[in-house]
N, C-alpha and C. Protein backbone atom coordinates (compact mmCIF):
# COMPACT_ATOMS: atom_id res chain seq x y z
N MET A 1 -22.72 -55.83 -32.49
CA MET A 1 -21.79 -56.95 -32.55
C MET A 1 -22.48 -58.17 -31.97
N LYS A 2 -22.55 -59.23 -32.77
CA LYS A 2 -23.16 -60.47 -32.31
C LYS A 2 -22.14 -61.45 -31.78
N VAL A 3 -20.92 -61.34 -32.26
CA VAL A 3 -19.92 -62.36 -31.94
C VAL A 3 -18.58 -61.71 -31.63
N CYS A 4 -17.92 -62.22 -30.61
CA CYS A 4 -16.55 -61.83 -30.31
C CYS A 4 -15.74 -63.12 -30.23
N LEU A 5 -14.69 -63.20 -31.01
CA LEU A 5 -13.85 -64.40 -31.04
C LEU A 5 -12.53 -64.20 -30.28
N CYS A 6 -12.42 -63.11 -29.55
CA CYS A 6 -11.17 -62.78 -28.87
C CYS A 6 -10.67 -63.91 -27.96
N ALA A 7 -11.56 -64.59 -27.28
CA ALA A 7 -11.17 -65.67 -26.38
C ALA A 7 -10.57 -66.86 -27.13
N HIS A 8 -10.77 -66.90 -28.43
CA HIS A 8 -10.29 -68.03 -29.23
C HIS A 8 -9.03 -67.68 -30.04
N ILE A 9 -8.49 -66.48 -29.80
CA ILE A 9 -7.30 -66.04 -30.52
C ILE A 9 -6.07 -66.33 -29.67
N THR A 10 -5.21 -67.17 -30.19
CA THR A 10 -3.91 -67.45 -29.58
C THR A 10 -2.87 -67.10 -30.64
N PRO A 11 -1.92 -66.24 -30.33
CA PRO A 11 -0.94 -65.85 -31.34
C PRO A 11 -0.14 -67.04 -31.86
N LEU A 12 0.08 -67.04 -33.15
CA LEU A 12 0.91 -68.04 -33.80
C LEU A 12 2.23 -67.36 -34.16
N HIS A 13 3.30 -67.83 -33.56
CA HIS A 13 4.62 -67.26 -33.80
C HIS A 13 5.24 -67.95 -35.02
N HIS A 14 5.60 -67.15 -35.99
CA HIS A 14 6.19 -67.65 -37.23
C HIS A 14 7.17 -66.61 -37.75
N HIS A 15 7.95 -66.98 -38.76
CA HIS A 15 8.97 -66.06 -39.28
C HIS A 15 8.59 -65.43 -40.61
N LEU A 16 7.95 -66.18 -41.47
CA LEU A 16 7.64 -65.71 -42.82
C LEU A 16 6.49 -64.70 -42.80
N PRO A 17 6.76 -63.44 -43.14
CA PRO A 17 5.68 -62.46 -43.17
C PRO A 17 4.64 -62.83 -44.23
N VAL A 18 3.38 -62.66 -43.87
CA VAL A 18 2.26 -62.98 -44.76
C VAL A 18 1.52 -61.68 -45.08
N GLN A 19 1.37 -61.42 -46.38
CA GLN A 19 0.64 -60.25 -46.85
C GLN A 19 -0.63 -60.77 -47.54
N ILE A 20 -1.78 -60.38 -47.02
CA ILE A 20 -3.05 -60.84 -47.60
C ILE A 20 -3.65 -59.70 -48.41
N LEU A 21 -3.78 -59.93 -49.72
CA LEU A 21 -4.41 -58.97 -50.62
C LEU A 21 -5.89 -59.31 -50.62
N ILE A 22 -6.68 -58.52 -49.94
CA ILE A 22 -8.09 -58.83 -49.74
C ILE A 22 -8.96 -57.99 -50.67
N HIS A 23 -9.84 -58.68 -51.37
CA HIS A 23 -10.78 -57.98 -52.24
C HIS A 23 -11.65 -57.08 -51.35
N PRO A 24 -11.93 -55.84 -51.76
CA PRO A 24 -12.71 -54.91 -50.92
C PRO A 24 -14.06 -55.46 -50.47
N SER A 25 -14.71 -56.27 -51.29
CA SER A 25 -16.02 -56.81 -50.90
C SER A 25 -15.92 -57.84 -49.78
N GLU A 26 -14.72 -58.32 -49.49
CA GLU A 26 -14.53 -59.32 -48.43
C GLU A 26 -14.20 -58.69 -47.08
N LEU A 27 -13.92 -57.39 -47.05
CA LEU A 27 -13.47 -56.75 -45.82
C LEU A 27 -14.43 -56.92 -44.65
N ASN A 28 -15.70 -56.85 -44.89
CA ASN A 28 -16.67 -56.95 -43.80
C ASN A 28 -17.51 -58.21 -43.87
N ALA A 29 -17.03 -59.21 -44.60
CA ALA A 29 -17.77 -60.47 -44.71
C ALA A 29 -17.67 -61.23 -43.38
N ALA A 30 -18.81 -61.55 -42.81
CA ALA A 30 -18.85 -62.24 -41.52
C ALA A 30 -18.20 -63.62 -41.59
N LYS A 31 -18.27 -64.25 -42.75
CA LYS A 31 -17.72 -65.59 -42.91
C LYS A 31 -16.28 -65.59 -43.42
N GLY A 32 -15.73 -64.42 -43.63
CA GLY A 32 -14.37 -64.33 -44.16
C GLY A 32 -13.33 -64.73 -43.13
N THR A 33 -12.22 -65.27 -43.62
CA THR A 33 -11.18 -65.72 -42.69
C THR A 33 -9.91 -64.87 -42.72
N ALA A 34 -9.80 -63.92 -43.63
CA ALA A 34 -8.58 -63.11 -43.73
C ALA A 34 -8.34 -62.30 -42.46
N LYS A 35 -9.36 -61.61 -41.99
CA LYS A 35 -9.18 -60.79 -40.78
C LYS A 35 -8.85 -61.65 -39.57
N LEU A 36 -9.48 -62.81 -39.48
CA LEU A 36 -9.20 -63.72 -38.38
C LEU A 36 -7.75 -64.21 -38.45
N THR A 37 -7.30 -64.52 -39.64
CA THR A 37 -5.92 -64.96 -39.85
C THR A 37 -4.95 -63.87 -39.41
N GLU A 38 -5.26 -62.64 -39.77
CA GLU A 38 -4.40 -61.51 -39.39
C GLU A 38 -4.30 -61.39 -37.87
N LYS A 39 -5.40 -61.65 -37.16
CA LYS A 39 -5.40 -61.53 -35.70
C LYS A 39 -4.56 -62.62 -35.04
N VAL A 40 -4.47 -63.78 -35.67
CA VAL A 40 -3.74 -64.91 -35.08
C VAL A 40 -2.24 -64.83 -35.39
N LEU A 41 -1.89 -64.46 -36.60
CA LEU A 41 -0.49 -64.49 -37.02
C LEU A 41 0.31 -63.30 -36.48
N ASP A 42 1.55 -63.58 -36.10
CA ASP A 42 2.48 -62.55 -35.63
C ASP A 42 2.82 -61.53 -36.72
N HIS A 43 3.08 -62.04 -37.92
CA HIS A 43 3.59 -61.21 -39.01
C HIS A 43 2.64 -61.31 -40.20
N CYS A 44 1.57 -60.54 -40.10
CA CYS A 44 0.55 -60.59 -41.16
C CYS A 44 -0.07 -59.21 -41.31
N GLN A 45 -0.33 -58.85 -42.55
CA GLN A 45 -0.96 -57.56 -42.82
C GLN A 45 -1.97 -57.72 -43.95
N LEU A 46 -3.11 -57.04 -43.81
CA LEU A 46 -4.14 -57.02 -44.86
C LEU A 46 -3.92 -55.82 -45.76
N TRP A 47 -4.12 -56.05 -47.07
CA TRP A 47 -4.00 -54.99 -48.06
C TRP A 47 -5.28 -55.00 -48.89
N PRO A 48 -6.26 -54.17 -48.53
CA PRO A 48 -7.50 -54.15 -49.32
C PRO A 48 -7.28 -53.48 -50.67
N GLY A 49 -7.89 -54.05 -51.68
CA GLY A 49 -7.80 -53.44 -52.99
C GLY A 49 -7.93 -54.46 -54.10
N GLU A 50 -7.93 -53.91 -55.31
CA GLU A 50 -8.11 -54.73 -56.48
C GLU A 50 -7.18 -54.27 -57.61
N SER A 51 -7.10 -52.98 -57.78
CA SER A 51 -6.33 -52.42 -58.91
C SER A 51 -4.87 -52.17 -58.51
N ALA A 52 -4.07 -51.86 -59.51
CA ALA A 52 -2.66 -51.54 -59.28
C ALA A 52 -2.53 -50.31 -58.37
N ASP A 53 -3.41 -49.33 -58.55
CA ASP A 53 -3.37 -48.14 -57.69
C ASP A 53 -3.69 -48.50 -56.24
N ASP A 54 -4.69 -49.37 -56.04
CA ASP A 54 -5.06 -49.80 -54.69
C ASP A 54 -3.88 -50.47 -53.99
N LEU A 55 -3.14 -51.26 -54.75
CA LEU A 55 -2.09 -52.08 -54.17
C LEU A 55 -0.70 -51.46 -54.28
N ALA A 56 -0.63 -50.20 -54.71
CA ALA A 56 0.67 -49.51 -54.82
C ALA A 56 1.42 -49.48 -53.48
N PRO A 57 0.74 -49.24 -52.34
CA PRO A 57 1.48 -49.27 -51.07
C PRO A 57 2.11 -50.64 -50.78
N LEU A 58 1.44 -51.71 -51.17
CA LEU A 58 2.01 -53.04 -50.98
C LEU A 58 3.25 -53.21 -51.85
N ARG A 59 3.17 -52.78 -53.10
CA ARG A 59 4.33 -52.89 -53.99
C ARG A 59 5.52 -52.14 -53.40
N GLN A 60 5.25 -50.98 -52.83
CA GLN A 60 6.32 -50.20 -52.21
C GLN A 60 6.88 -50.95 -50.99
N HIS A 61 6.00 -51.55 -50.21
CA HIS A 61 6.39 -52.33 -49.03
C HIS A 61 7.29 -53.51 -49.42
N LEU A 62 7.05 -54.06 -50.60
CA LEU A 62 7.78 -55.24 -51.05
C LEU A 62 9.04 -54.92 -51.86
N ALA A 63 9.33 -53.65 -52.04
CA ALA A 63 10.49 -53.26 -52.84
C ALA A 63 11.75 -53.95 -52.32
N ASP A 64 12.46 -54.60 -53.20
CA ASP A 64 13.73 -55.26 -52.87
C ASP A 64 13.60 -56.41 -51.89
N VAL A 65 12.42 -57.01 -51.80
CA VAL A 65 12.20 -58.16 -50.92
C VAL A 65 11.70 -59.33 -51.78
N PRO A 66 12.27 -60.52 -51.60
CA PRO A 66 11.73 -61.65 -52.37
C PRO A 66 10.29 -61.94 -51.94
N ALA A 67 9.39 -61.97 -52.89
CA ALA A 67 7.99 -62.22 -52.60
C ALA A 67 7.50 -63.40 -53.44
N PHE A 68 6.66 -64.23 -52.82
CA PHE A 68 6.12 -65.41 -53.48
C PHE A 68 4.61 -65.37 -53.35
N LEU A 69 3.92 -65.61 -54.44
CA LEU A 69 2.46 -65.61 -54.46
C LEU A 69 1.95 -67.03 -54.30
N LEU A 70 1.12 -67.24 -53.30
CA LEU A 70 0.48 -68.54 -53.09
C LEU A 70 -0.76 -68.58 -53.97
N TYR A 71 -0.64 -69.30 -55.09
CA TYR A 71 -1.72 -69.33 -56.07
C TYR A 71 -1.48 -70.51 -57.02
N PRO A 72 -2.53 -71.24 -57.36
CA PRO A 72 -2.34 -72.39 -58.25
C PRO A 72 -1.79 -71.97 -59.62
N ASP A 73 -0.77 -72.68 -60.06
CA ASP A 73 -0.16 -72.39 -61.35
C ASP A 73 0.69 -73.60 -61.72
N GLU A 74 0.72 -73.93 -62.99
CA GLU A 74 1.50 -75.09 -63.43
C GLU A 74 3.00 -74.91 -63.15
N GLN A 75 3.47 -73.67 -63.12
CA GLN A 75 4.89 -73.40 -62.88
C GLN A 75 5.20 -73.21 -61.39
N ALA A 76 4.20 -73.30 -60.52
CA ALA A 76 4.40 -73.04 -59.10
C ALA A 76 5.26 -74.11 -58.44
N GLN A 77 6.06 -73.67 -57.48
CA GLN A 77 6.81 -74.61 -56.64
C GLN A 77 5.86 -75.16 -55.58
N PRO A 78 5.91 -76.44 -55.30
CA PRO A 78 5.07 -76.96 -54.21
C PRO A 78 5.61 -76.49 -52.85
N VAL A 79 4.74 -76.05 -51.98
CA VAL A 79 5.17 -75.62 -50.65
C VAL A 79 5.80 -76.77 -49.88
N GLU A 80 5.41 -77.98 -50.22
CA GLU A 80 5.92 -79.15 -49.51
C GLU A 80 7.42 -79.35 -49.70
N THR A 81 7.98 -78.80 -50.78
CA THR A 81 9.42 -78.97 -51.05
C THR A 81 10.16 -77.65 -51.26
N ALA A 82 9.47 -76.54 -51.20
CA ALA A 82 10.10 -75.23 -51.47
C ALA A 82 10.99 -74.79 -50.32
N THR A 83 12.06 -74.13 -50.68
CA THR A 83 12.94 -73.46 -49.72
C THR A 83 13.01 -72.00 -50.16
N LEU A 84 12.54 -71.11 -49.32
CA LEU A 84 12.50 -69.70 -49.68
C LEU A 84 13.76 -68.99 -49.21
N PRO A 85 14.20 -68.00 -49.97
CA PRO A 85 15.38 -67.24 -49.53
C PRO A 85 15.06 -66.42 -48.27
N PRO A 86 16.11 -66.03 -47.55
CA PRO A 86 15.89 -65.21 -46.34
C PRO A 86 15.12 -63.93 -46.68
N HIS A 87 14.35 -63.49 -45.72
CA HIS A 87 13.57 -62.24 -45.80
C HIS A 87 12.46 -62.29 -46.84
N SER A 88 12.04 -63.48 -47.22
CA SER A 88 10.95 -63.62 -48.19
C SER A 88 9.62 -63.21 -47.56
N GLN A 89 8.67 -62.93 -48.43
CA GLN A 89 7.31 -62.59 -48.02
C GLN A 89 6.35 -63.51 -48.78
N LEU A 90 5.29 -63.91 -48.11
CA LEU A 90 4.26 -64.74 -48.74
C LEU A 90 3.05 -63.86 -49.01
N LEU A 91 2.61 -63.83 -50.26
CA LEU A 91 1.42 -63.07 -50.65
C LEU A 91 0.29 -64.05 -50.90
N VAL A 92 -0.89 -63.70 -50.39
CA VAL A 92 -2.07 -64.55 -50.54
C VAL A 92 -3.23 -63.67 -50.97
N LEU A 93 -3.97 -64.11 -51.99
CA LEU A 93 -5.15 -63.39 -52.45
C LEU A 93 -6.37 -63.91 -51.71
N ASP A 94 -7.20 -62.99 -51.23
CA ASP A 94 -8.40 -63.37 -50.49
C ASP A 94 -9.65 -62.89 -51.22
N GLY A 95 -10.54 -63.82 -51.46
CA GLY A 95 -11.81 -63.52 -52.14
C GLY A 95 -12.27 -64.78 -52.84
N THR A 96 -13.36 -64.70 -53.55
CA THR A 96 -13.82 -65.83 -54.34
C THR A 96 -12.79 -66.08 -55.45
N TRP A 97 -12.89 -67.26 -56.11
CA TRP A 97 -11.98 -67.54 -57.22
C TRP A 97 -12.09 -66.45 -58.28
N ARG A 98 -13.31 -66.03 -58.58
CA ARG A 98 -13.52 -64.99 -59.60
C ARG A 98 -12.85 -63.68 -59.18
N LYS A 99 -13.02 -63.30 -57.92
CA LYS A 99 -12.44 -62.03 -57.45
C LYS A 99 -10.92 -62.08 -57.39
N THR A 100 -10.36 -63.20 -56.96
CA THR A 100 -8.90 -63.28 -56.89
C THR A 100 -8.29 -63.34 -58.29
N HIS A 101 -8.98 -63.99 -59.21
CA HIS A 101 -8.51 -64.03 -60.60
C HIS A 101 -8.50 -62.61 -61.18
N LYS A 102 -9.52 -61.83 -60.84
CA LYS A 102 -9.58 -60.45 -61.33
C LYS A 102 -8.42 -59.62 -60.76
N ILE A 103 -8.13 -59.79 -59.47
CA ILE A 103 -7.00 -59.09 -58.87
C ILE A 103 -5.72 -59.44 -59.62
N LEU A 104 -5.56 -60.72 -59.89
CA LEU A 104 -4.36 -61.18 -60.61
C LEU A 104 -4.29 -60.57 -62.01
N GLN A 105 -5.41 -60.52 -62.72
CA GLN A 105 -5.42 -59.98 -64.08
C GLN A 105 -5.17 -58.48 -64.11
N LEU A 106 -5.61 -57.77 -63.08
CA LEU A 106 -5.42 -56.32 -63.02
C LEU A 106 -4.02 -55.90 -62.58
N ASN A 107 -3.21 -56.88 -62.16
CA ASN A 107 -1.90 -56.58 -61.60
C ASN A 107 -0.82 -57.46 -62.22
N PRO A 108 -0.30 -57.06 -63.38
CA PRO A 108 0.75 -57.86 -64.03
C PRO A 108 1.96 -58.12 -63.12
N TRP A 109 2.24 -57.21 -62.20
CA TRP A 109 3.36 -57.42 -61.28
C TRP A 109 3.13 -58.64 -60.40
N LEU A 110 1.87 -58.93 -60.06
CA LEU A 110 1.56 -60.15 -59.30
C LEU A 110 1.78 -61.39 -60.16
N GLN A 111 1.36 -61.30 -61.41
CA GLN A 111 1.52 -62.42 -62.34
C GLN A 111 3.00 -62.78 -62.52
N ALA A 112 3.86 -61.78 -62.43
CA ALA A 112 5.29 -61.99 -62.65
C ALA A 112 6.00 -62.61 -61.44
N LEU A 113 5.36 -62.62 -60.27
CA LEU A 113 5.99 -63.17 -59.08
C LEU A 113 6.13 -64.69 -59.18
N PRO A 114 7.17 -65.24 -58.55
CA PRO A 114 7.23 -66.70 -58.46
C PRO A 114 6.05 -67.19 -57.61
N LYS A 115 5.51 -68.34 -58.01
CA LYS A 115 4.31 -68.84 -57.34
C LYS A 115 4.60 -70.09 -56.54
N LEU A 116 3.85 -70.22 -55.47
CA LEU A 116 3.86 -71.42 -54.64
C LEU A 116 2.46 -72.01 -54.70
N SER A 117 2.39 -73.32 -54.64
CA SER A 117 1.10 -74.00 -54.64
C SER A 117 1.22 -75.27 -53.82
N PHE A 118 0.19 -76.07 -53.81
CA PHE A 118 0.18 -77.30 -53.02
C PHE A 118 0.29 -78.52 -53.93
N HIS A 119 1.21 -79.39 -53.62
CA HIS A 119 1.30 -80.66 -54.34
C HIS A 119 0.16 -81.55 -53.87
N THR A 120 -0.03 -81.60 -52.57
CA THR A 120 -1.10 -82.39 -51.97
C THR A 120 -1.84 -81.50 -50.99
N ALA A 121 -2.84 -80.81 -51.46
CA ALA A 121 -3.59 -79.89 -50.60
C ALA A 121 -4.41 -80.68 -49.58
N PRO A 122 -4.54 -80.14 -48.38
CA PRO A 122 -5.39 -80.80 -47.39
C PRO A 122 -6.86 -80.67 -47.79
N GLN A 123 -7.68 -81.51 -47.23
CA GLN A 123 -9.12 -81.42 -47.46
C GLN A 123 -9.64 -80.17 -46.73
N GLY A 124 -10.38 -79.33 -47.44
CA GLY A 124 -10.93 -78.12 -46.82
C GLY A 124 -12.05 -78.46 -45.85
N ASN A 125 -12.19 -77.62 -44.84
CA ASN A 125 -13.23 -77.83 -43.83
C ASN A 125 -13.99 -76.53 -43.59
N TYR A 126 -14.27 -75.83 -44.65
CA TYR A 126 -14.92 -74.51 -44.56
C TYR A 126 -16.42 -74.69 -44.72
N GLN A 127 -17.02 -75.35 -43.75
CA GLN A 127 -18.41 -75.77 -43.87
C GLN A 127 -19.44 -74.64 -43.86
N ILE A 128 -19.05 -73.42 -43.59
CA ILE A 128 -20.03 -72.33 -43.54
C ILE A 128 -20.13 -71.57 -44.85
N ARG A 129 -19.33 -71.94 -45.83
CA ARG A 129 -19.39 -71.34 -47.16
C ARG A 129 -19.42 -72.44 -48.19
N LYS A 130 -20.18 -72.23 -49.22
CA LYS A 130 -20.23 -73.19 -50.32
C LYS A 130 -19.04 -72.96 -51.24
N ALA A 131 -18.39 -74.04 -51.64
CA ALA A 131 -17.27 -73.96 -52.57
C ALA A 131 -17.68 -74.61 -53.88
N HIS A 132 -17.28 -73.99 -54.97
CA HIS A 132 -17.62 -74.51 -56.29
C HIS A 132 -16.56 -75.48 -56.81
N ARG A 133 -15.43 -75.55 -56.11
CA ARG A 133 -14.35 -76.44 -56.53
C ARG A 133 -14.03 -77.41 -55.40
N GLU A 134 -13.66 -78.62 -55.76
CA GLU A 134 -13.31 -79.64 -54.78
C GLU A 134 -12.07 -79.25 -53.96
N ASP A 135 -11.13 -78.56 -54.60
CA ASP A 135 -9.87 -78.24 -53.94
C ASP A 135 -9.88 -76.88 -53.24
N SER A 136 -11.05 -76.33 -53.01
CA SER A 136 -11.14 -75.01 -52.38
C SER A 136 -10.77 -75.06 -50.90
N LEU A 137 -10.01 -74.07 -50.51
CA LEU A 137 -9.66 -73.87 -49.10
C LEU A 137 -9.96 -72.42 -48.75
N SER A 138 -10.25 -72.18 -47.50
CA SER A 138 -10.37 -70.79 -47.06
C SER A 138 -8.96 -70.19 -47.04
N THR A 139 -8.89 -68.89 -46.98
CA THR A 139 -7.60 -68.21 -46.88
C THR A 139 -6.85 -68.71 -45.64
N LEU A 140 -7.55 -68.83 -44.53
CA LEU A 140 -6.94 -69.30 -43.30
C LEU A 140 -6.35 -70.70 -43.48
N GLU A 141 -7.12 -71.61 -44.08
CA GLU A 141 -6.63 -72.98 -44.26
C GLU A 141 -5.41 -73.02 -45.18
N ALA A 142 -5.43 -72.23 -46.24
CA ALA A 142 -4.31 -72.20 -47.18
C ALA A 142 -3.05 -71.68 -46.50
N ILE A 143 -3.18 -70.63 -45.72
CA ILE A 143 -2.02 -70.06 -45.03
C ILE A 143 -1.52 -71.02 -43.95
N ALA A 144 -2.44 -71.64 -43.23
CA ALA A 144 -2.04 -72.60 -42.19
C ALA A 144 -1.20 -73.72 -42.78
N TYR A 145 -1.67 -74.27 -43.90
CA TYR A 145 -0.95 -75.37 -44.53
C TYR A 145 0.40 -74.89 -45.08
N ALA A 146 0.41 -73.72 -45.71
CA ALA A 146 1.66 -73.19 -46.27
C ALA A 146 2.70 -72.96 -45.17
N LEU A 147 2.30 -72.35 -44.06
CA LEU A 147 3.26 -72.09 -42.98
C LEU A 147 3.73 -73.39 -42.33
N GLU A 148 2.84 -74.35 -42.22
CA GLU A 148 3.23 -75.65 -41.66
C GLU A 148 4.29 -76.30 -42.55
N GLN A 149 4.10 -76.25 -43.86
CA GLN A 149 5.04 -76.87 -44.79
C GLN A 149 6.34 -76.08 -44.92
N LEU A 150 6.24 -74.76 -44.99
CA LEU A 150 7.43 -73.93 -45.24
C LEU A 150 8.28 -73.73 -43.99
N GLU A 151 7.63 -73.68 -42.82
CA GLU A 151 8.37 -73.40 -41.58
C GLU A 151 8.33 -74.54 -40.58
N GLY A 152 7.42 -75.45 -40.76
CA GLY A 152 7.27 -76.52 -39.77
C GLY A 152 6.58 -76.05 -38.50
N CYS A 153 5.89 -74.92 -38.58
CA CYS A 153 5.22 -74.42 -37.37
C CYS A 153 3.87 -75.13 -37.19
N ASP A 154 3.41 -75.14 -35.96
CA ASP A 154 2.15 -75.78 -35.60
C ASP A 154 1.00 -74.81 -35.90
N PRO A 155 0.12 -75.14 -36.86
CA PRO A 155 -0.96 -74.22 -37.24
C PRO A 155 -2.20 -74.31 -36.35
N SER A 156 -2.12 -75.05 -35.26
CA SER A 156 -3.33 -75.25 -34.44
C SER A 156 -3.96 -73.96 -33.93
N PRO A 157 -3.22 -72.88 -33.62
CA PRO A 157 -3.91 -71.64 -33.24
C PRO A 157 -4.84 -71.12 -34.34
N LEU A 158 -4.44 -71.27 -35.59
CA LEU A 158 -5.29 -70.85 -36.70
C LEU A 158 -6.54 -71.72 -36.77
N TYR A 159 -6.36 -73.03 -36.67
CA TYR A 159 -7.50 -73.94 -36.75
C TYR A 159 -8.45 -73.79 -35.57
N HIS A 160 -7.92 -73.48 -34.40
CA HIS A 160 -8.76 -73.25 -33.22
C HIS A 160 -9.66 -72.03 -33.43
N ALA A 161 -9.09 -70.94 -33.91
CA ALA A 161 -9.87 -69.73 -34.20
C ALA A 161 -10.87 -69.99 -35.32
N PHE A 162 -10.46 -70.75 -36.32
CA PHE A 162 -11.34 -71.09 -37.44
C PHE A 162 -12.55 -71.89 -36.97
N GLU A 163 -12.31 -72.84 -36.10
CA GLU A 163 -13.42 -73.65 -35.56
C GLU A 163 -14.39 -72.76 -34.77
N ALA A 164 -13.88 -71.82 -34.00
CA ALA A 164 -14.74 -70.90 -33.25
C ALA A 164 -15.58 -70.05 -34.20
N LEU A 165 -14.97 -69.58 -35.29
CA LEU A 165 -15.71 -68.80 -36.29
C LEU A 165 -16.84 -69.63 -36.89
N LYS A 166 -16.52 -70.85 -37.29
CA LYS A 166 -17.54 -71.72 -37.90
C LYS A 166 -18.68 -72.00 -36.92
N GLN A 167 -18.33 -72.32 -35.69
CA GLN A 167 -19.37 -72.65 -34.71
C GLN A 167 -20.25 -71.44 -34.40
N SER A 168 -19.65 -70.25 -34.34
CA SER A 168 -20.46 -69.06 -34.07
C SER A 168 -21.39 -68.76 -35.24
N GLN A 169 -20.90 -68.96 -36.46
CA GLN A 169 -21.76 -68.74 -37.64
C GLN A 169 -22.90 -69.75 -37.68
N LEU A 170 -22.59 -71.02 -37.41
CA LEU A 170 -23.63 -72.05 -37.41
C LEU A 170 -24.67 -71.79 -36.32
N ALA A 171 -24.22 -71.31 -35.17
CA ALA A 171 -25.14 -71.04 -34.06
C ALA A 171 -26.13 -69.93 -34.39
N HIS A 172 -25.75 -69.02 -35.29
CA HIS A 172 -26.63 -67.91 -35.65
C HIS A 172 -27.52 -68.20 -36.86
N MET A 173 -27.37 -69.38 -37.44
CA MET A 173 -28.20 -69.74 -38.59
C MET A 173 -29.49 -70.38 -38.12
N PRO A 174 -30.59 -70.12 -38.81
CA PRO A 174 -31.82 -70.85 -38.51
C PRO A 174 -31.58 -72.36 -38.72
N ALA A 175 -32.25 -73.18 -37.97
CA ALA A 175 -32.03 -74.63 -38.00
C ALA A 175 -32.13 -75.21 -39.41
N GLU A 176 -33.11 -74.75 -40.18
CA GLU A 176 -33.30 -75.31 -41.53
C GLU A 176 -32.14 -74.92 -42.46
N VAL A 177 -31.51 -73.78 -42.21
CA VAL A 177 -30.36 -73.36 -43.01
C VAL A 177 -29.12 -74.14 -42.55
N ARG A 178 -28.97 -74.28 -41.23
CA ARG A 178 -27.80 -74.94 -40.65
C ARG A 178 -27.62 -76.35 -41.20
N THR A 179 -28.71 -77.07 -41.42
CA THR A 179 -28.61 -78.46 -41.91
C THR A 179 -27.93 -78.53 -43.28
N ARG A 180 -28.01 -77.48 -44.08
CA ARG A 180 -27.36 -77.47 -45.38
C ARG A 180 -25.85 -77.37 -45.29
N TYR A 181 -25.35 -76.95 -44.13
CA TYR A 181 -23.91 -76.73 -43.97
C TYR A 181 -23.23 -77.83 -43.18
N ARG A 182 -23.93 -78.81 -42.73
CA ARG A 182 -23.30 -79.89 -41.94
C ARG A 182 -22.79 -80.98 -42.82
């Protein structure tokens, strides 16, 4: 173990349960933010998998519960104006755009869920990973913004842990590599 971020974890108290569907290849990614998000949030669970069989336990967990998928879609409600019914759950896909799209394609039940998206997404600050899209956010940033808009909660515990992750990653990079990420 090279890094411990425990000192930078402050619990974020919120009401809306967050379910993160994490692509299996992201489970042990040092730069990934899903596990860090799970450590900060009160009501968050990771669900590794890709196929319908992998995610069957999640479907069972969500039985008879209103669930909303945070994913860009023309029919999506903006989080800035959405009001969710009581006992709702927020589902978030974690992985590259290609991997999350594959999860979505392999799971028609996910496609059928009502979607939430951002009308005005914040500027991403995920400087330790290259993004191929201008509007890319890390899983942590997307969840922080969604919870801030949907519940009015202060996402600073998430951003504090995120900054610690970024700084630890940058500190372990050779100087010539680090300059590419600033």
